[in-house]
Amino acid sequence: MRGASRTSRPTRGRGPERSPGPRPVSDRLCLQGILFVLYNHIAWQLLPLELGFGSGQTCWRRLDRWQRAGVFDQLHRVLLAELNAAGELDWSRACVDGSHIRAKKGAPRPVRRRSTGGRQAASTT
């Protein structure tokens, strides 16, 4: 899966302009921080700075930026394609999950249509 690491590596893109302060955390360290938070089920604020992944806020911002850019969708597609090509996927055990699709509640409401029939005249008495 060496090709996946080259083709699907998250890119920093056009981030905020450089300002005085600490140097930006590398993408690799930030990804490690994101995985640490998700794996250990901790709040972003509790990510220890001693680990060198940057602050929890930095990792969260990078995760948000990558998510908006579609990095993880692209990574998922690349990994599936490579695993499928290598014969490592067992599609007989696959299932479809529609939990991320909004369910419409109730029957569809009829559209109000303009009446073509005559109306009773308003009473003038």
Foldseek 3Di string as FASTA:
>chain_A
DVVLCVPLPDDPPDDDDDDPDDDQQDSVLLVVQVCVCVVVVDDQQPRDCVVVSDGSVSSVVSVVVCVVVCSVVVSVVVVVVVCVVVVNDDCVPDDDDPPVPDDDPDDDDDDDDDDPDDDDDDDPD
